[in-house]
C-alpha atoms as a PDB file:
ATOM      1  CA  MET A   1    -106.974-203.029-113.647  1.00  0.00           C
ATOM      2  CA  SER A   2    -110.194-203.408-111.695  1.00  0.00           C
ATOM      3  CA  GLN A   3    -112.590-201.383-109.592  1.00  0.00           C
ATOM      4  CA  HIS A   4    -115.382-202.456-107.270  1.00  0.00           C
ATOM      5  CA  ASP A   5    -117.778-200.896-104.810  1.00  0.00           C
ATOM      6  CA  LEU A   6    -116.381-203.312-102.204  1.00  0.00           C
ATOM      7  CA  ASP A   7    -119.883-204.230-101.128  1.00  0.00           C
ATOM      8  CA  ILE A   8    -120.889-207.921-101.453  1.00  0.00           C
ATOM      9  CA  ALA A   9    -124.648-208.135-101.900  1.00  0.00           C
ATOM     10  CA  ASN A  10    -126.869-211.091-100.959  1.00  0.00           C
ATOM     11  CA  GLN A  11    -126.784-213.450-103.928  1.00  0.00           C
ATOM     12  CA  THR A  12    -126.245-217.023-104.952  1.00  0.00           C
ATOM     13  CA  ALA A  13    -123.048-218.706-103.864  1.00  0.00           C
ATOM     14  CA  SER A  14    -121.484-218.660-107.321  1.00  0.00           C
ATOM     15  CA  SER A  15    -122.383-214.994-107.859  1.00  0.00           C
ATOM     16  CA  ALA A  16    -121.084-214.109-104.421  1.00  0.00           C
ATOM     17  CA  ARG A  17    -117.830-215.881-105.173  1.00  0.00           C
ATOM     18  CA  ALA A  18    -117.449-213.948-108.440  1.00  0.00           C
ATOM     19  CA  ASP A  19    -118.316-210.684-106.664  1.00  0.00           C
ATOM     20  CA  ILE A  20    -115.756-211.347-103.939  1.00  0.00           C
ATOM     21  CA  ASN A  21    -113.078-212.101-106.539  1.00  0.00           C
ATOM     22  CA  LEU A  22    -113.803-208.803-108.299  1.00  0.00           C
ATOM     23  CA  ALA A  23    -113.525-206.925-104.998  1.00  0.00           C
ATOM     24  CA  LEU A  24    -110.193-208.592-104.225  1.00  0.00           C
ATOM     25  CA  LYS A  25    -108.881-207.763-107.701  1.00  0.00           C
ATOM     26  CA  ALA A  26    -109.869-204.134-107.163  1.00  0.00           C
ATOM     27  CA  LEU A  27    -108.012-204.103-103.846  1.00  0.00           C
ATOM     28  CA  GLY A  28    -105.028-205.867-105.382  1.00  0.00           C
ATOM     29  CA  SER A  29    -104.772-203.336-108.218  1.00  0.00           C
ATOM     30  CA  VAL A  30    -105.326-200.337-105.894  1.00  0.00           C
ATOM     31  CA  ASN A  31    -108.612-199.610-107.689  1.00  0.00           C
ATOM     32  CA  SER A  32    -106.572-198.684-110.766  1.00  0.00           C
ATOM     33  CA  GLY A  33    -108.321-197.085-113.686  1.00  0.00           C
ATOM     34  CA  SER A  34    -108.508-194.014-115.901  1.00  0.00           C
ATOM     35  CA  THR A  35    -111.337-192.575-113.790  1.00  0.00           C
ATOM     36  CA  SER A  36    -111.941-192.684-110.055  1.00  0.00           C
ATOM     37  CA  PRO A  37    -114.062-195.499-108.581  1.00  0.00           C
ATOM     38  CA  ALA A  38    -117.788-194.826-108.749  1.00  0.00           C
ATOM     39  CA  THR A  39    -118.098-195.648-105.076  1.00  0.00           C
ATOM     40  CA  THR A  40    -115.502-193.972-102.853  1.00  0.00           C
ATOM     41  CA  LEU A  41    -114.550-194.514 -99.235  1.00  0.00           C
ATOM     42  CA  ALA A  42    -112.526-192.382 -96.830  1.00  0.00           C
ATOM     43  CA  ASN A  43    -108.795-193.226 -97.076  1.00  0.00           C
ATOM     44  CA  MET A  44    -109.324-195.388-100.193  1.00  0.00           C
ATOM     45  CA  LEU A  45    -106.317-195.767-102.483  1.00  0.00           C
ATOM     46  CA  TRP A  46    -106.722-195.284-106.239  1.00  0.00           C
ATOM     47  CA  TYR A  47    -104.090-195.505-108.940  1.00  0.00           C
ATOM     48  CA  ASP A  48    -105.005-193.034-111.685  1.00  0.00           C
ATOM     49  CA  THR A  49    -103.699-194.705-114.848  1.00  0.00           C
ATOM     50  CA  THR A  50    -104.263-191.551-116.919  1.00  0.00           C
ATOM     51  CA  ALA A  51    -102.048-189.366-114.720  1.00  0.00           C
ATOM     52  CA  ASN A  52     -99.802-192.211-113.500  1.00  0.00           C
ATOM     53  CA  THR A  53    -100.524-190.947-110.003  1.00  0.00           C
ATOM     54  CA  LEU A  54    -101.244-192.817-106.785  1.00  0.00           C
ATOM     55  CA  LYS A  55    -104.022-191.056-104.893  1.00  0.00           C
ATOM     56  CA  MET A  56    -105.718-191.412-101.526  1.00  0.00           C
ATOM     57  CA  ARG A  57    -109.238-190.345-100.670  1.00  0.00           C
ATOM     58  CA  ALA A  58    -109.470-187.640 -97.995  1.00  0.00           C
ATOM     59  CA  GLU A  59    -110.913-188.616 -94.622  1.00  0.00           C
ATOM     60  CA  ALA A  60    -113.914-186.402 -95.377  1.00  0.00           C
ATOM     61  CA  ASN A  61    -114.385-188.449 -98.566  1.00  0.00           C
ATOM     62  CA  ASP A  62    -114.642-185.257-100.584  1.00  0.00           C
ATOM     63  CA  ALA A  63    -111.360-185.112-102.550  1.00  0.00           C
ATOM     64  CA  TRP A  64    -108.372-187.095-103.793  1.00  0.00           C
ATOM     65  CA  ILE A  65    -104.894-186.424-102.379  1.00  0.00           C
ATOM     66  CA  SER A  66    -101.997-187.093-104.781  1.00  0.00           C
ATOM     67  CA  VAL A  67     -99.391-189.281-103.057  1.00  0.00           C
ATOM     68  CA  GLY A  68     -96.783-189.714-105.768  1.00  0.00           C
ATOM     69  CA  TYR A  69     -96.021-190.232-109.439  1.00  0.00           C
ATOM     70  CA  LEU A  70     -95.242-193.679-110.821  1.00  0.00           C
ATOM     71  CA  ASP A  71     -92.870-193.446-113.765  1.00  0.00           C
ATOM     72  CA  GLN A  72     -93.991-196.433-115.809  1.00  0.00           C
ATOM     73  CA  SER A  73     -91.238-196.056-118.413  1.00  0.00           C
ATOM     74  CA  ALA A  74     -88.498-196.199-115.771  1.00  0.00           C
ATOM     75  CA  ASP A  75     -90.375-198.400-113.283  1.00  0.00           C
ATOM     76  CA  ALA A  76     -89.713-195.846-110.555  1.00  0.00           C
ATOM     77  CA  PHE A  77     -91.592-193.874-107.905  1.00  0.00           C
ATOM     78  CA  ARG A  78     -91.292-190.088-108.122  1.00  0.00           C
ATOM     79  CA  ILE A  79     -92.046-187.314-105.597  1.00  0.00           C
ATOM     80  CA  PHE A  80     -93.982-184.295-106.796  1.00  0.00           C
ATOM     81  CA  ASP A  81     -92.338-180.880-106.933  1.00  0.00           C
ATOM     82  CA  ASP A  82     -93.173-178.540-104.021  1.00  0.00           C
ATOM     83  CA  THR A  83     -93.907-181.387-101.620  1.00  0.00           C
ATOM     84  CA  GLN A  84     -93.759-180.079 -98.073  1.00  0.00           C
ATOM     85  CA  VAL A  85     -91.538-181.720 -95.447  1.00  0.00           C
ATOM     86  CA  VAL A  86     -93.370-181.716 -92.099  1.00  0.00           C
ATOM     87  CA  ASN A  87     -92.803-182.866 -88.556  1.00  0.00           C
ATOM     88  CA  SER A  88     -94.981-185.372 -86.683  1.00  0.00           C
ATOM     89  CA  GLY A  89     -97.427-182.587 -85.886  1.00  0.00           C
ATOM     90  CA  GLY A  90     -97.869-181.619 -89.526  1.00  0.00           C
ATOM     91  CA  SER A  91     -95.966-178.326 -89.309  1.00  0.00           C
ATOM     92  CA  GLN A  92     -93.796-177.577 -92.311  1.00  0.00           C
ATOM     93  CA  THR A  93     -90.041-177.792 -91.747  1.00  0.00           C
ATOM     94  CA  GLY A  94     -88.853-177.896 -95.349  1.00  0.00           C
ATOM     95  CA  LEU A  95     -89.757-178.148 -99.000  1.00  0.00           C
ATOM     96  CA  ILE A  96     -88.861-180.669-101.664  1.00  0.00           C
ATOM     97  CA  GLY A  97     -88.985-178.228-104.518  1.00  0.00           C
ATOM     98  CA  ASP A  98     -87.350-175.370-106.324  1.00  0.00           C
ATOM     99  CA  GLN A  99     -87.926-172.022-104.676  1.00  0.00           C
ATOM    100  CA  SER A 100     -87.720-169.045-107.012  1.00  0.00           C
ATOM    101  CA  THR A 101     -84.411-167.480-107.951  1.00  0.00           C
ATOM    102  CA  ALA A 102     -85.594-164.217-106.370  1.00  0.00           C
ATOM    103  CA  THR A 103     -86.005-166.009-103.028  1.00  0.00           C
ATOM    104  CA  TRP A 104     -82.421-167.230-103.138  1.00  0.00           C
ATOM    105  CA  GLN A 105     -81.129-163.822-104.209  1.00  0.00           C
ATOM    106  CA  ALA A 106     -82.904-162.095-101.321  1.00  0.00           C
ATOM    107  CA  GLY A 107     -81.360-164.595 -98.915  1.00  0.00           C
ATOM    108  CA  THR A 108     -84.054-164.044 -96.281  1.00  0.00           C
ATOM    109  CA  GLY A 109     -86.111-167.222 -96.624  1.00  0.00           C
ATOM    110  CA  THR A 110     -85.808-169.871 -93.916  1.00  0.00           C
ATOM    111  CA  THR A 111     -87.570-172.780 -95.654  1.00  0.00           C
ATOM    112  CA  GLU A 112     -85.124-175.612 -96.278  1.00  0.00           C
ATOM    113  CA  SER A 113     -85.377-176.923 -99.831  1.00  0.00           C
ATOM    114  CA  LEU A 114     -83.545-178.154-102.885  1.00  0.00           C
ATOM    115  CA  VAL A 115     -81.537-175.676-104.926  1.00  0.00           C
ATOM    116  CA  SER A 116     -79.724-175.981-108.237  1.00  0.00           C
ATOM    117  CA  PRO A 117     -76.127-174.860-108.745  1.00  0.00           C
ATOM    118  CA  ALA A 118     -77.449-172.304-111.260  1.00  0.00           C
ATOM    119  CA  LYS A 119     -79.605-170.651-108.593  1.00  0.00           C
ATOM    120  CA  VAL A 120     -76.729-170.571-106.111  1.00  0.00           C
ATOM    121  CA  LYS A 121     -74.616-168.829-108.747  1.00  0.00           C
ATOM    122  CA  ALA A 122     -77.448-166.399-109.553  1.00  0.00           C
ATOM    123  CA  ALA A 123     -77.793-165.529-105.864  1.00  0.00           C
ATOM    124  CA  ILE A 124     -74.061-164.895-105.532  1.00  0.00           C
ATOM    125  CA  ASP A 125     -73.969-162.826-108.717  1.00  0.00           C
ATOM    126  CA  SER A 126     -76.987-160.789-107.582  1.00  0.00           C
ATOM    127  CA  ASN A 127     -75.422-159.957-104.215  1.00  0.00           C
ATOM    128  CA  THR A 128     -72.040-159.017-105.663  1.00  0.00           C
ATOM    129  CA  SER A 129     -73.029-157.237-108.880  1.00  0.00           C
ATOM    130  CA  SER A 130     -73.673-153.964-107.047  1.00  0.00           C
ATOM    131  CA  TYR A 131     -70.167-153.890-105.571  1.00  0.00           C
ATOM    132  CA  THR A 132     -67.817-151.444-107.257  1.00  0.00           C
ATOM    133  CA  GLN A 133     -64.102-151.703-106.677  1.00  0.00           C
ATOM    134  CA  PRO A 134     -62.968-148.335-105.218  1.00  0.00           C
ATOM    135  CA  THR A 135     -60.276-146.664-107.273  1.00  0.00           C
ATOM    136  CA  ALA A 136     -59.843-143.214-105.708  1.00  0.00           C
ATOM    137  CA  SER A 137     -57.306-142.825-102.899  1.00  0.00           C
ATOM    138  CA  GLY A 138     -59.053-142.448 -99.552  1.00  0.00           C
ATOM    139  CA  ALA A 139     -62.408-143.716-100.862  1.00  0.00           C
ATOM    140  CA  ILE A 140     -64.637-145.926 -98.712  1.00  0.00           C
ATOM    141  CA  GLY A 141     -63.289-149.463 -98.815  1.00  0.00           C
ATOM    142  CA  THR A 142     -59.681-148.429 -99.423  1.00  0.00           C
ATOM    143  CA  TYR A 143     -56.713-148.905 -97.115  1.00  0.00           C
ATOM    144  CA  CYS A 144     -54.180-146.341 -96.012  1.00  0.00           C
ATOM    145  CA  PHE A 145     -50.965-146.291 -94.012  1.00  0.00           C
ATOM    146  CA  ALA A 146     -51.417-143.498 -91.460  1.00  0.00           C
ATOM    147  CA  THR A 147     -50.428-142.358 -87.988  1.00  0.00           C
ATOM    148  CA  LEU A 148     -52.123-140.957 -84.900  1.00  0.00           C
ATOM    149  CA  GLY A 149     -50.396-139.343 -81.937  1.00  0.00           C
ATOM    150  CA  SER A 150     -51.771-141.785 -79.365  1.00  0.00           C
ATOM    151  CA  ASP A 151     -52.079-145.492 -78.673  1.00  0.00           C
ATOM    152  CA  VAL A 152     -54.647-147.257 -80.860  1.00  0.00           C
ATOM    153  CA  ALA A 153     -56.039-150.777 -80.414  1.00  0.00           C
ATOM    154  CA  PHE A 154     -56.873-153.164 -83.231  1.00  0.00           C
ATOM    155  CA  GLY A 155     -60.414-152.552 -84.524  1.00  0.00           C
ATOM    156  CA  SER A 156     -60.731-149.015 -83.147  1.00  0.00           C
ATOM    157  CA  THR A 157     -62.548-146.439 -85.285  1.00  0.00           C
ATOM    158  CA  ILE A 158     -61.089-142.962 -85.625  1.00  0.00           C
ATOM    159  CA  SER A 159     -62.131-139.808 -87.477  1.00  0.00           C
ATOM    160  CA  GLY A 160     -59.969-139.210 -90.508  1.00  0.00           C
ATOM    161  CA  SER A 161     -59.316-135.643 -89.358  1.00  0.00           C
ATOM    162  CA  SER A 162     -57.164-137.105 -86.563  1.00  0.00           C
ATOM    163  CA  LEU A 163     -55.073-139.189 -88.945  1.00  0.00           C
ATOM    164  CA  GLN A 164     -52.238-138.287 -91.274  1.00  0.00           C
ATOM    165  CA  THR A 165     -50.926-140.368 -94.119  1.00  0.00           C
ATOM    166  CA  THR A 166     -47.363-141.479 -93.604  1.00  0.00           C
ATOM    167  CA  SER A 167     -44.652-143.910 -94.521  1.00  0.00           C
ATOM    168  CA  ALA A 168     -43.241-146.503 -92.147  1.00  0.00           C
ATOM    169  CA  THR A 169     -41.077-145.077 -89.383  1.00  0.00           C
ATOM    170  CA  TRP A 170     -37.655-146.287 -88.462  1.00  0.00           C
ATOM    171  CA  SER A 171     -35.406-145.552 -85.499  1.00  0.00           C
ATOM    172  CA  GLN A 172     -31.716-145.737 -84.877  1.00  0.00           C
ATOM    173  CA  GLU A 173     -29.755-145.108 -81.669  1.00  0.00           C
ATOM    174  CA  VAL A 174     -27.341-142.241 -82.175  1.00  0.00           C
ATOM    175  CA  GLY A 175     -25.131-141.074 -79.269  1.00  0.00           C
ATOM    176  CA  GLY A 176     -27.461-142.420 -76.577  1.00  0.00           C
ATOM    177  CA  GLY A 177     -30.588-140.966 -78.233  1.00  0.00           C
ATOM    178  CA  VAL A 178     -33.054-142.162 -80.845  1.00  0.00           C
ATOM    179  CA  ARG A 179     -33.130-140.778 -84.344  1.00  0.00           C
ATOM    180  CA  THR A 180     -36.452-141.157 -86.158  1.00  0.00           C
ATOM    181  CA  SER A 181     -37.676-140.650 -89.673  1.00  0.00           C
ATOM    182  CA  LEU A 182     -41.407-140.156 -90.254  1.00  0.00           C
ATOM    183  CA  SER A 183     -42.811-138.570 -93.392  1.00  0.00           C
ATOM    184  CA  LEU A 184     -46.241-137.029 -92.738  1.00  0.00           C
ATOM    185  CA  GLY A 185     -48.888-136.230 -95.325  1.00  0.00           C
ATOM    186  CA  SER A 186     -52.275-134.546 -95.212  1.00  0.00           C
ATOM    187  CA  ALA A 187     -55.162-135.351 -92.860  1.00  0.00           C
ATOM    188  CA  LEU A 188     -57.839-137.780 -94.031  1.00  0.00           C
ATOM    189  CA  THR A 189     -61.614-137.518 -94.319  1.00  0.00           C
ATOM    190  CA  GLY A 190     -64.353-139.922 -93.243  1.00  0.00           C
ATOM    191  CA  THR A 191     -64.130-142.616 -90.569  1.00  0.00           C
ATOM    192  CA  TRP A 192     -61.359-145.220 -90.459  1.00  0.00           C
ATOM    193  CA  ARG A 193     -60.892-148.559 -88.676  1.00  0.00           C
ATOM    194  CA  CYS A 194     -57.503-149.558 -87.292  1.00  0.00           C
ATOM    195  CA  MET A 195     -56.315-152.773 -88.935  1.00  0.00           C
ATOM    196  CA  GLY A 196     -53.255-153.125 -86.734  1.00  0.00           C
ATOM    197  CA  THR A 197     -52.009-151.528 -83.491  1.00  0.00           C
ATOM    198  CA  GLN A 198     -50.184-148.320 -82.700  1.00  0.00           C
ATOM    199  CA  ASP A 199     -48.251-147.954 -79.449  1.00  0.00           C
ATOM    200  CA  ALA A 200     -46.042-145.272 -77.931  1.00  0.00           C
ATOM    201  CA  LEU A 201     -42.320-145.905 -77.681  1.00  0.00           C
ATOM    202  CA  SER A 202     -40.190-144.009 -75.159  1.00  0.00           C
ATOM    203  CA  SER A 203     -36.814-142.870 -76.412  1.00  0.00           C
ATOM    204  CA  SER A 204     -33.873-142.632 -74.021  1.00  0.00           C
ATOM    205  CA  PRO A 205     -32.436-140.553 -72.523  1.00  0.00           C
ATOM    206  CA  GLY A 206     -35.036-137.832 -73.100  1.00  0.00           C
ATOM    207  CA  GLN A 207     -38.024-140.169 -72.574  1.00  0.00           C
ATOM    208  CA  GLN A 208     -39.759-138.635 -75.599  1.00  0.00           C
ATOM    209  CA  SER A 209     -42.789-140.613 -76.753  1.00  0.00           C
ATOM    210  CA  LEU A 210     -42.742-141.691 -80.379  1.00  0.00           C
ATOM    211  CA  TRP A 211     -45.543-143.267 -82.390  1.00  0.00           C
ATOM    212  CA  GLY A 212     -45.179-145.384 -85.421  1.00  0.00           C
ATOM    213  CA  ALA A 213     -47.822-145.956 -88.080  1.00  0.00           C
ATOM    214  CA  THR A 214     -50.241-148.736 -88.978  1.00  0.00           C
ATOM    215  CA  LEU A 215     -52.786-149.825 -91.577  1.00  0.00           C
ATOM    216  CA  TRP A 216     -56.275-148.228 -91.676  1.00  0.00           C
ATOM    217  CA  LEU A 217     -59.469-149.056 -93.569  1.00  0.00           C
ATOM    218  CA  ARG A 218     -61.996-146.352 -94.458  1.00  0.00           C
ATOM    219  CA  ILE A 219     -65.464-147.543 -93.436  1.00  0.00           C
ATOM    220  CA  SER A 220     -67.562-144.414 -93.996  1.00  0.00           C
END
């Protein structure tokens, strides 16, 4: 470990040689020491042996910027938590760090960063804990087999007052006609989304239109 002001003064040859050697040792050891060099220069490197941290002097020569941590026990270089990832222009594009659990639970942050499995689980649990499995028939989020007296396309939304609960319909040709069986229940409430299709079928010979039934999901 060695530090030097990196200024070689006018002196005898032997003293100059010794002074130059001290300056080179300081450069070779990255000005390592428990305190910062007495004389600092812009962009100077200093290894802080107390904090095990490599530092660089700011261009304004008014502060030290921590570059990284040197783990002396493992002989390894470490990156500090909450280190920003930036583009060539210096704008932040990510974060090497652990954003708060609340940030992950909200799910609105756009900063790319590291995340632990525990925080992923906490975010999932937070966003699903408020969900209550519907138990009452016809409640929002429940399904129902119902019928409507018109054609209905997949994904259509219909007022429950226009729907009636029902069982599946079946048809059988009897003497040139069509015999149907359709058990109708009461009208529904709320708004429902069609989860299938419902089309009219013409029965011969009377050309009477018949509608079957399909699956519906209550959405409001």
